Structure formats: structure tokens, C-alpha cells
Amino acid sequence: MNIPGRPARSARWKPGHALRLLENGEEFFPAVFEAVGAARREVLIETFILFEDKVGLALRDALVAAARRGVQVDLTVDGFGSSELTPPYIASLCDAGVRLHVFDPQPRLFGFRLNVFRRMHRKLVVIDGERAFVGGINYSADHLADFGPEAKQDYAVEVVGPVVADIRRFVSDALDKPAPGRHWLRRRADARTVPDPTQAEAGPAQAMFVTRDNAEHRTAIERHYRVAIRSARHEVVIANAYFFPGYRLLRELRRAARRGVRVRLILQGEPDMAIVKTAAEMLYEHLLRANVKVYEYCKRPLHGKVALVDDEWCTVGSSNLDPLSLALNLEANLVVRDRAFNACLRERLESLMEHGCKEVSVEPNAGSRVWRGVRSFFVFHFLRRFPAWAGWLPAHAPRLASTQPPAAPEASSGASGLPDPH
């Protein structure tokens, strides 16, 4: 039996795609809202975070307008990341005909949420089965520059072409298929079915939709990273917000640098969580000794999850290179082979390194160097084993609940309207 959200057995390269790189909310949100506004039949959205701020309100308005003109709209949010939506907000969506689904809604215990692990971390949009968006940008105002110093730096990609059918099928399957051993609320019996559209080739790029789940595709995204790095001939650039990968990926980075590949990492210098920088710093000695270059982005928190290898290969998506994304969360990336898109991403990342980063250097102090060496040794061997250890955490089959409008929403209430009582 298939598990909701599970991709096809093996992702495959498909030709014929047109791509557009979108940087930050200033480029991403207008593109998505415009696409929703032009939708004729169907809008499918998955997101980890949906906040009830100016971005969340703008998304609601766009989805409500689409639903009212007869478009089938399904919005899936994560029960942990989007737990604070109020009853009036939910009611405004449901009353217009938007079908709101909550991934793994769980009750709180003594005020604390229990569903911290195995989160639905994907950020996907599919419009009429013809256009899709894949990336790391959530629907929250902290992805806009006017949010201030804590505004996030992030990326997404808009794609048109045959791979959109794969993305649509993946999101639709997550809504339609029950998980073994758990109850899933299916679409209502009167729900309209939108047929799979035929998607013609739209451009020269090859693309592949790759996902990570907790069943058959536990290491799919990491594996594509490792294969690409292993094949690198002259360049690897990775910009990743939460960097604490496993031993095998670190080994490929070190090996690439030692055979003469220019390997550069862009990591957080002004993190949204202090532990993020502390964890990454534990790896610096191990990486720098192999001639891997490390740059810390210091203008604001880095939230991106992108990479490029040589002149063609690149990826944009939701997956960080840390234990949560590589061993626990549900993730989705678009992998691309295209010189023009690769060059565009490289230009953006070069600008980031030139104007917003500082390069990390090896500390000359001998005592500190000895301590870092000892620390690096233990971290290194921990990373060799953490994927197996992470697998001991609860690998539950999460529940997808379809939300109905609250019976009597109160505008002044601050309580969540999700099926997840406080």
C-alpha cells in the first residue's frame, strides 16, 4: 500500500522545462499570488509554516477568490509549523470552499507540542497541473526584507514542463491515499476530480522531482547531493541554513576539495537559532583542513537550501543538510540540469558571498587548534552513526485531518482553530 506523500518508486530526469529562480519573498510571493489568481481549475499548496500576518492574509485572500470562482483549492499545512491559525482565519477559508488539511495535528501536553519530529517540511505549489513552485520559502512576513534584521534569505524555483505532472501527482496522492494503521480523512464525496493535464515541453532544461520520506525514500535527497559532489570536476557551491550532515556527505565534500574541486559552503553567520551556528562550527576544522572554503552569511538569517555543481547541475528545495531534514522530516527538492539556470543561481550566490559573507579561517592559536581537533574527531565519528540513531525516534504514520469551519469563531480569540486543542 502506498503511503500518502510517497513519490514514485524512482525519480527520473525529464527534458523540456522552463525555469525561473525566485529569491526571497519579494520575488516568490507575487509570483505565487499571480499564479493563484490566474488558476482555472485547481490550486494545490503544501507548506510547513503559514502565519496569520500580512503574507498569510494575502495568501488567504488569493485562495478565497480562487475558490469562489470555482477553482478546486487544497491547502495543506503542518500541525507543528502552522499551529497558531485562529478560528476566524480558518473559517474564512473553509466558508469559501478552500479545503484545509493539517498534517499530524496533535494535542498539547502541559502546554508543549509533541509532534516536533517527522514534520511535513515541504513547500510546494501546483497550479492547474501546468505550473509548480518548489523551494524553502514559507508563507510568513519574515521572508520579506521590510521585516527587519531577522528577515530570512531564501530561494524557490518556478517550473513549467513535464515534471509538474510528477509534483501534482505527488501532492494529490498525499490527499487521497490512507496510511496503513492510521485514519486519514479523505476528500468529501462530492469533491470534484481534476484530471491530469498533458504537459508539453516548455524549455531546454532537464528536471527531476526528488522527495524524502520515512518509508522507501529515506536518503533520496542526500543521495543526489552525494552523487553530484562525487562527479564534480571544478566547482561545488552549497548554501544551506542548517548544516550538520552525515559522515558520507562530509566525506564527499572533503574528497572533492582534495582532488582540486573548488568547494564553497555558505552557512549562517547570523542564525535564527544560536545552536545552528554552534553545530556547524563543530565541523569547520574538519572541513577547512581538507581545503573546503566556508563563508558565513552575516546580513540576516540564511534560510536557503540550494546547491550547484559545475556548469549544469543544481537543486532548490526544502531540505536542509541536518539531522531533521536528512533523517526525519518530509522534504521535496527540484534537481535541475541546465546551464542557464545554473549560471543564474551561481550569480546570485557569488553576489551573496561578495556582499554579505565573511570567510572563515583556521584559528592560529595552538591551544584552540588542539581543542578543535579533539572536538572535530568526536563530532566526525558521531556523524558516521547519527542516521541510524535518528531512525530510533518515533517513525509514526502521521494523520492528515481535513478541517471544517469552527462552529462559533470569535474574532478576539487567540486560540488555534486547527483540530489540535490547546
Protein backbone atom coordinates (compact mmCIF):
# COMPACT_ATOMS: atom_id res chain seq x y z
CA MET A 1 0.00 0.00 0.00
CA ASN A 2 1.25 3.46 -0.80
CA ILE A 3 1.80 5.97 1.97
CA PRO A 4 0.40 9.47 1.36
CA GLY A 5 3.07 11.80 0.14
CA ARG A 6 5.29 8.99 -1.14
CA PRO A 7 6.81 9.69 -4.55
CA ALA A 8 7.06 7.34 -7.49
CA ARG A 9 9.41 4.40 -6.93
CA SER A 10 12.31 6.17 -8.61
CA ALA A 11 12.58 9.78 -9.70
CA ARG A 12 13.71 10.20 -13.30
CA TRP A 13 15.19 13.01 -15.35
CA LYS A 14 12.68 14.60 -17.70
CA PRO A 15 13.52 17.05 -20.50
CA GLY A 16 11.63 20.12 -21.66
CA HIS A 17 11.41 22.63 -18.78
CA ALA A 18 11.36 26.38 -18.39
CA LEU A 19 12.63 27.58 -15.01
CA ARG A 20 12.74 30.80 -13.03
CA LEU A 21 14.78 31.32 -9.86
CA LEU A 22 12.89 33.31 -7.20
CA GLU A 23 14.84 34.97 -4.41
CA ASN A 24 13.14 35.87 -1.13
CA GLY A 25 9.52 36.79 -0.57
CA GLU A 26 9.80 39.87 -2.79
CA GLU A 27 10.01 37.61 -5.85
CA PHE A 28 8.25 34.49 -4.59
CA PHE A 29 5.00 35.81 -3.12
CA PRO A 30 3.91 37.97 -6.12
CA ALA A 31 4.65 35.06 -8.48
CA VAL A 32 2.58 32.60 -6.43
CA PHE A 33 -0.30 35.00 -5.83
CA GLU A 34 -0.41 35.90 -9.53
CA ALA A 35 -0.46 32.21 -10.47
CA VAL A 36 -3.27 31.52 -7.99
CA GLY A 37 -5.17 34.50 -9.41
CA ALA A 38 -4.90 33.04 -12.91
CA ALA A 39 -5.83 29.46 -11.91
CA ARG A 40 -8.71 27.98 -13.88
CA ARG A 41 -9.23 24.53 -12.36
CA GLU A 42 -7.02 23.64 -9.41
CA VAL A 43 -4.64 25.03 -6.78
CA LEU A 44 -2.61 22.65 -4.59
CA ILE A 45 -0.38 24.06 -1.84
CA GLU A 46 1.73 22.40 0.85
CA THR A 47 3.64 24.48 3.39
CA PHE A 48 5.35 23.96 6.70
CA ILE A 49 4.58 27.44 8.07
CA LEU A 50 1.54 29.62 7.46
CA PHE A 51 1.37 32.63 9.75
CA GLU A 52 -1.60 34.93 10.12
CA ASP A 53 0.41 38.05 9.18
CA LYS A 54 0.27 40.21 6.06
CA VAL A 55 1.63 37.40 3.90
CA GLY A 56 -0.75 34.82 5.33
CA LEU A 57 -3.67 37.19 4.91
CA ALA A 58 -2.69 37.88 1.29
CA LEU A 59 -2.50 34.13 0.61
CA ARG A 60 -5.92 33.64 2.21
CA ASP A 61 -7.43 36.35 0.03
CA ALA A 62 -5.95 34.82 -3.12
CA LEU A 63 -7.19 31.33 -2.24
CA VAL A 64 -10.65 32.55 -1.23
CA ALA A 65 -11.01 34.44 -4.52
CA ALA A 66 -9.94 31.36 -6.49
CA ALA A 67 -12.35 29.07 -4.62
CA ARG A 68 -15.25 31.47 -5.12
CA ARG A 69 -14.77 31.47 -8.88
CA GLY A 70 -14.98 27.68 -8.93
CA VAL A 71 -11.33 26.61 -8.66
CA GLN A 72 -10.68 23.47 -6.58
CA VAL A 73 -8.31 24.62 -3.80
CA ASP A 74 -6.48 22.31 -1.37
CA LEU A 75 -4.16 23.81 1.24
CA THR A 76 -2.07 21.52 3.47
CA VAL A 77 -0.18 22.92 6.48
CA ASP A 78 1.98 21.24 9.07
CA GLY A 79 0.42 20.77 12.51
CA PHE A 80 3.60 21.90 14.25
CA GLY A 81 4.72 24.75 11.99
CA SER A 82 1.26 26.28 11.49
CA SER A 83 -0.33 25.67 14.86
CA GLU A 84 -1.48 29.21 15.69
CA LEU A 85 -4.08 29.89 12.99
CA THR A 86 -7.19 31.39 14.58
CA PRO A 87 -10.78 30.17 14.10
CA PRO A 88 -11.81 33.29 12.09
CA TYR A 89 -8.93 32.77 9.68
CA ILE A 90 -9.79 29.10 9.18
CA ALA A 91 -13.48 29.87 8.83
CA SER A 92 -12.82 32.42 6.09
CA LEU A 93 -11.01 29.74 4.08
CA CYS A 94 -13.46 26.90 4.68
CA ASP A 95 -16.57 29.02 4.12
CA ALA A 96 -15.29 29.96 0.67
CA GLY A 97 -14.74 26.31 -0.23
CA VAL A 98 -11.00 26.03 0.39
CA ARG A 99 -10.20 22.58 1.75
CA LEU A 100 -7.70 22.96 4.58
CA HIS A 101 -5.72 19.88 5.62
CA VAL A 102 -3.47 19.64 8.68
CA PHE A 103 -0.55 17.25 8.70
CA ASP A 104 -0.22 15.43 12.00
CA PRO A 105 -2.38 17.57 14.29
CA GLN A 106 -1.51 16.63 17.83
CA PRO A 107 -2.78 17.83 21.21
CA ARG A 108 -0.51 19.67 23.59
CA LEU A 109 0.71 18.11 26.82
CA PHE A 110 1.18 20.63 29.64
CA GLY A 111 1.39 23.38 27.02
CA PHE A 112 4.07 21.67 24.92
CA ARG A 113 3.61 20.30 21.41
CA LEU A 114 4.58 16.66 20.98
CA ASN A 115 4.84 16.47 17.17
CA VAL A 116 8.32 18.00 16.94
CA PHE A 117 9.75 15.22 14.76
CA ARG A 118 8.61 13.80 11.41
CA ARG A 119 7.31 17.17 10.24
CA MET A 120 5.84 17.92 6.81
CA HIS A 121 8.54 20.43 5.85
CA ARG A 122 7.78 20.66 2.12
CA LYS A 123 6.90 23.92 0.33
CA LEU A 124 5.05 23.10 -2.89
CA VAL A 125 2.54 24.87 -5.13
CA VAL A 126 0.88 23.39 -8.23
CA ILE A 127 -1.42 25.45 -10.46
CA ASP A 128 -3.75 23.64 -12.91
CA GLY A 129 -1.16 20.88 -13.22
CA GLU A 130 0.76 23.21 -15.53
CA ARG A 131 2.99 25.32 -13.27
CA ALA A 132 4.71 24.49 -10.00
CA PHE A 133 6.81 26.18 -7.32
CA VAL A 134 9.37 24.29 -5.21
CA GLY A 135 11.61 25.81 -2.55
CA GLY A 136 12.21 26.74 1.05
CA ILE A 137 10.03 29.85 1.45
CA ASN A 138 7.14 29.71 3.95
CA TYR A 139 4.09 31.99 3.98
CA SER A 140 5.23 34.46 6.61
CA ALA A 141 6.32 38.10 6.68
CA ASP A 142 9.80 37.20 7.91
CA HIS A 143 10.65 36.29 4.31
CA LEU A 144 10.34 39.98 3.32
CA ALA A 145 13.17 42.50 3.73
CA ASP A 146 10.93 45.03 5.48
CA PHE A 147 10.61 42.55 8.38
CA GLY A 148 13.95 43.90 9.58
CA PRO A 149 17.24 42.29 10.68
CA GLU A 150 15.55 38.92 11.20
CA ALA A 151 14.22 38.73 7.64
CA LYS A 152 15.28 35.45 6.01
CA GLN A 153 17.37 34.93 2.87
CA ASP A 154 15.84 32.15 0.80
CA TYR A 155 15.10 30.74 -2.66
CA ALA A 156 12.45 28.93 -4.71
CA VAL A 157 12.08 27.85 -8.31
CA GLU A 158 9.10 28.18 -10.66
CA VAL A 159 8.92 25.36 -13.20
CA VAL A 160 6.81 24.69 -16.29
CA GLY A 161 7.14 21.38 -18.11
CA PRO A 162 6.58 17.61 -17.77
CA VAL A 163 7.91 17.33 -14.18
CA VAL A 164 4.92 19.39 -12.99
CA ALA A 165 2.76 16.29 -13.53
CA ASP A 166 5.01 14.38 -11.10
CA ILE A 167 4.68 17.12 -8.49
CA ARG A 168 0.91 17.32 -8.92
CA ARG A 169 0.51 13.56 -8.64
CA PHE A 170 2.65 13.54 -5.51
CA VAL A 171 0.61 16.26 -3.76
CA SER A 172 -2.71 14.72 -4.87
CA ASP A 173 -1.69 11.30 -3.62
CA ALA A 174 -0.91 12.79 -0.22
CA LEU A 175 -4.53 13.91 -0.02
CA ASP A 176 -6.21 10.81 -1.40
CA LYS A 177 -4.46 7.74 -0.05
CA PRO A 178 -4.85 6.40 3.51
CA ALA A 179 -1.80 5.47 5.54
CA PRO A 180 -1.66 1.92 6.93
CA GLY A 181 -2.75 1.67 10.53
CA ARG A 182 -4.00 5.24 10.83
CA HIS A 183 -7.18 7.06 9.93
CA TRP A 184 -6.98 9.70 7.23
CA LEU A 185 -9.90 11.99 6.44
CA ARG A 186 -10.42 11.69 2.71
CA ARG A 187 -11.78 14.36 0.40
CA ARG A 188 -15.51 14.77 0.71
CA ALA A 189 -17.61 12.51 -1.51
CA ASP A 190 -18.90 15.47 -3.50
CA ALA A 191 -15.39 16.74 -4.28
CA ARG A 192 -14.69 17.32 -7.96
CA THR A 193 -11.83 15.41 -9.55
CA VAL A 194 -9.46 17.40 -11.73
CA PRO A 195 -7.96 15.18 -14.45
CA ASP A 196 -4.21 15.01 -15.00
CA PRO A 197 -3.35 17.53 -17.73
CA THR A 198 -0.96 16.71 -20.52
CA GLN A 199 2.14 18.82 -20.09
CA ALA A 200 4.13 19.69 -23.21
CA GLU A 201 7.81 20.54 -23.23
CA ALA A 202 8.36 24.22 -22.38
CA GLY A 203 12.13 24.75 -22.46
CA PRO A 204 15.59 23.16 -22.66
CA ALA A 205 16.15 22.21 -19.01
CA GLN A 206 16.10 18.71 -17.58
CA ALA A 207 14.43 18.37 -14.19
CA MET A 208 13.72 15.73 -11.57
CA PHE A 209 11.40 15.91 -8.54
CA VAL A 210 13.03 14.22 -5.53
CA THR A 211 11.44 13.70 -2.12
CA ARG A 212 12.43 12.29 1.27
CA ASP A 213 10.04 10.24 3.38
CA ASN A 214 10.27 7.77 6.26
CA ALA A 215 9.50 4.69 4.19
CA GLU A 216 11.22 3.91 0.86
CA HIS A 217 12.96 7.23 0.22
CA ARG A 218 14.78 7.95 3.46
CA THR A 219 18.04 9.07 1.81
CA ALA A 220 16.88 10.11 -1.68
CA ILE A 221 17.77 13.82 -1.47
CA GLU A 222 21.07 13.22 0.32
CA ARG A 223 21.97 10.58 -2.27
CA HIS A 224 21.51 13.07 -5.13
CA TYR A 225 23.79 15.52 -3.33
CA ARG A 226 26.46 12.87 -2.85
CA VAL A 227 26.34 11.66 -6.45
CA ALA A 228 26.61 15.21 -7.78
CA ILE A 229 29.52 16.11 -5.48
CA ARG A 230 31.29 12.86 -6.36
CA SER A 231 31.07 13.73 -10.07
CA ALA A 232 32.22 17.35 -9.61
CA ARG A 233 35.18 18.41 -11.74
CA HIS A 234 35.77 22.06 -10.87
CA GLU A 235 33.13 23.57 -8.55
CA VAL A 236 30.67 22.88 -5.73
CA VAL A 237 28.69 25.67 -4.06
CA ILE A 238 26.20 24.88 -1.29
CA ALA A 239 24.10 27.48 0.53
CA ASN A 240 22.28 25.79 3.38
CA ALA A 241 20.71 27.21 6.50
CA TYR A 242 21.04 24.26 8.87
CA PHE A 243 24.26 22.41 8.12
CA PHE A 244 25.16 19.31 10.12
CA PRO A 245 25.19 16.49 7.55
CA GLY A 246 26.16 12.89 7.93
CA TYR A 247 29.58 11.35 7.52
CA ARG A 248 29.10 10.25 3.90
CA LEU A 249 28.20 13.71 2.61
CA LEU A 250 31.07 15.31 4.53
CA ARG A 251 33.40 12.71 3.10
CA GLU A 252 32.36 13.56 -0.47
CA LEU A 253 32.93 17.28 0.17
CA ARG A 254 36.41 16.65 1.56
CA ARG A 255 37.33 14.27 -1.24
CA ALA A 256 36.15 16.75 -3.88
CA ALA A 257 38.23 19.56 -2.36
CA ARG A 258 41.31 17.33 -2.09
CA ARG A 259 41.16 16.40 -5.78
CA GLY A 260 41.18 20.07 -6.74
CA VAL A 261 37.47 20.96 -6.91
CA ARG A 262 36.65 24.44 -5.60
CA VAL A 263 34.24 23.64 -2.76
CA ARG A 264 32.47 26.54 -1.06
CA LEU A 265 29.84 26.43 1.68
CA ILE A 266 27.59 29.38 2.57
CA LEU A 267 26.25 28.91 6.10
CA GLN A 268 24.56 31.05 8.73
CA GLY A 269 26.58 33.80 10.34
CA GLU A 270 23.56 35.48 11.96
CA PRO A 271 21.42 32.43 12.75
CA ASP A 272 17.78 32.47 13.75
CA MET A 273 18.73 29.87 16.39
CA ALA A 274 22.13 30.01 18.10
CA ILE A 275 22.50 26.23 18.18
CA VAL A 276 22.57 26.21 14.38
CA LYS A 277 25.86 28.11 14.21
CA THR A 278 27.31 26.20 17.13
CA ALA A 279 26.63 22.87 15.42
CA ALA A 280 28.10 23.98 12.09
CA GLU A 281 31.21 25.41 13.78
CA MET A 282 31.99 21.96 15.15
CA LEU A 283 32.64 20.87 11.57
CA TYR A 284 34.79 23.81 10.47
CA GLU A 285 38.15 22.31 11.43
CA HIS A 286 37.30 19.05 9.71
CA LEU A 287 36.29 20.87 6.51
CA LEU A 288 38.94 23.60 6.41
CA ARG A 289 41.76 21.09 6.79
CA ALA A 290 40.56 19.49 3.54
CA ASN A 291 40.58 22.90 1.78
CA VAL A 292 36.79 23.33 1.82
CA LYS A 293 36.03 27.06 1.92
CA VAL A 294 33.40 28.17 4.45
CA TYR A 295 31.56 31.50 4.25
CA GLU A 296 29.18 32.81 6.89
CA TYR A 297 26.31 34.99 5.67
CA CYS A 298 26.09 37.85 8.16
CA LYS A 299 23.48 40.29 6.83
CA ARG A 300 20.47 38.36 8.15
CA PRO A 301 19.47 34.75 8.82
CA LEU A 302 20.12 32.42 5.90
CA HIS A 303 17.18 30.11 5.24
CA GLY A 304 18.14 28.85 1.76
CA LYS A 305 18.57 25.22 0.70
CA VAL A 306 20.26 25.41 -2.70
CA ALA A 307 23.39 23.99 -4.35
CA LEU A 308 25.18 23.84 -7.68
CA VAL A 309 27.87 21.58 -9.11
CA ASP A 310 29.99 22.53 -12.14
CA ASP A 311 28.09 24.19 -15.01
CA GLU A 312 24.80 22.27 -15.19
CA TRP A 313 23.64 20.53 -12.00
CA CYS A 314 21.77 22.39 -9.27
CA THR A 315 19.00 21.90 -6.74
CA VAL A 316 16.45 24.10 -4.98
CA GLY A 317 14.11 22.83 -2.31
CA SER A 318 13.06 22.50 1.32
CA SER A 319 15.72 20.09 2.56
CA ASN A 320 18.39 21.33 4.90
CA LEU A 321 21.57 19.30 5.39
CA ASP A 322 20.96 18.44 9.03
CA PRO A 323 19.55 15.50 11.01
CA LEU A 324 15.96 16.76 10.92
CA SER A 325 15.83 17.10 7.13
CA LEU A 326 18.05 14.14 6.25
CA ALA A 327 16.60 11.62 8.70
CA LEU A 328 13.22 12.78 10.00
CA ASN A 329 11.25 15.43 8.07
CA LEU A 330 9.27 15.02 4.86
CA GLU A 331 11.10 17.10 2.22
CA ALA A 332 10.98 17.93 -1.50
CA ASN A 333 13.63 19.30 -3.89
CA LEU A 334 13.75 20.01 -7.59
CA VAL A 335 17.01 18.86 -9.18
CA VAL A 336 17.96 20.56 -12.45
CA ARG A 337 20.39 20.11 -15.30
CA ASP A 338 20.59 23.36 -17.22
CA ARG A 339 23.46 25.76 -17.92
CA ALA A 340 21.35 28.92 -17.92
CA PHE A 341 19.63 28.17 -14.61
CA ASN A 342 22.93 27.05 -13.07
CA ALA A 343 24.56 30.33 -14.18
CA CYS A 344 21.68 32.35 -12.71
CA LEU A 345 21.98 30.60 -9.34
CA ARG A 346 25.76 30.96 -9.37
CA GLU A 347 25.46 34.71 -10.00
CA ARG A 348 23.11 35.08 -7.02
CA LEU A 349 25.35 33.05 -4.72
CA GLU A 350 28.53 34.83 -5.85
CA SER A 351 26.82 38.13 -5.02
CA LEU A 352 25.86 36.74 -1.62
CA MET A 353 29.44 35.74 -0.86
CA GLU A 354 30.87 39.03 -2.12
CA HIS A 355 28.47 41.42 -0.42
CA GLY A 356 27.12 39.61 2.63
CA CYS A 357 29.60 36.97 3.78
CA LYS A 358 32.83 36.64 5.69
CA GLU A 359 35.20 33.76 5.01
CA VAL A 360 36.03 31.52 7.93
CA SER A 361 39.73 30.92 8.53
CA VAL A 362 41.62 28.44 10.69
CA GLU A 363 42.37 29.85 14.13
CA PRO A 364 46.16 30.13 14.54
CA ASN A 365 46.13 29.70 18.33
CA ALA A 366 47.73 26.30 19.02
CA GLY A 367 45.70 25.52 22.14
CA SER A 368 42.43 26.29 20.42
CA ARG A 369 43.51 24.22 17.45
CA VAL A 370 44.14 21.16 19.64
CA TRP A 371 40.71 21.55 21.28
CA ARG A 372 39.03 21.97 17.91
CA GLY A 373 40.83 18.89 16.64
CA VAL A 374 39.59 16.80 19.56
CA ARG A 375 36.07 18.16 19.20
CA SER A 376 36.13 17.58 15.45
CA PHE A 377 37.21 13.96 16.00
CA PHE A 378 34.22 13.18 18.23
CA VAL A 379 31.75 15.09 16.04
CA PHE A 380 33.12 13.33 12.96
CA HIS A 381 32.54 9.88 14.41
CA PHE A 382 29.15 10.86 15.80
CA LEU A 383 28.10 11.85 12.28
CA ARG A 384 29.10 8.45 10.98
CA ARG A 385 26.34 6.95 13.09
CA PHE A 386 23.62 9.55 13.58
CA PRO A 387 21.34 8.42 10.70
CA ALA A 388 20.95 5.03 12.38
CA TRP A 389 20.35 6.65 15.75
CA ALA A 390 17.81 9.07 14.31
CA GLY A 391 15.88 6.09 13.00
CA TRP A 392 15.14 5.08 16.58
CA LEU A 393 12.92 8.13 17.01
CA PRO A 394 9.18 7.52 16.58
CA ALA A 395 8.52 6.75 12.89
CA HIS A 396 4.78 7.20 13.21
CA ALA A 397 2.36 7.29 10.30
CA PRO A 398 1.11 10.88 10.62
CA ARG A 399 -2.57 11.73 10.33
CA LEU A 400 -3.92 14.23 7.80
CA ALA A 401 -7.03 15.93 9.16
CA SER A 402 -9.43 17.87 6.93
CA THR A 403 -10.56 20.93 8.86
CA GLN A 404 -14.12 22.15 8.99
CA PRO A 405 -15.13 25.73 9.86
CA PRO A 406 -15.25 26.39 13.63
CA ALA A 407 -18.80 26.34 14.93
CA ALA A 408 -18.71 29.80 16.51
CA PRO A 409 -15.47 31.64 15.79
CA GLU A 410 -14.71 34.72 17.81
CA ALA A 411 -12.62 37.45 16.24
CA SER A 412 -10.91 38.23 19.54
CA SER A 413 -9.87 34.65 20.25
CA GLY A 414 -6.20 33.86 20.09
CA ALA A 415 -6.75 30.10 20.24
CA SER A 416 -5.82 27.91 17.32
CA GLY A 417 -8.67 26.79 15.11
CA LEU A 418 -6.85 23.64 13.99
CA PRO A 419 -8.14 20.26 15.10
CA ASP A 420 -5.48 20.35 17.81
CA PRO A 421 -6.92 21.55 21.15
CA HIS A 422 -4.58 23.53 23.47
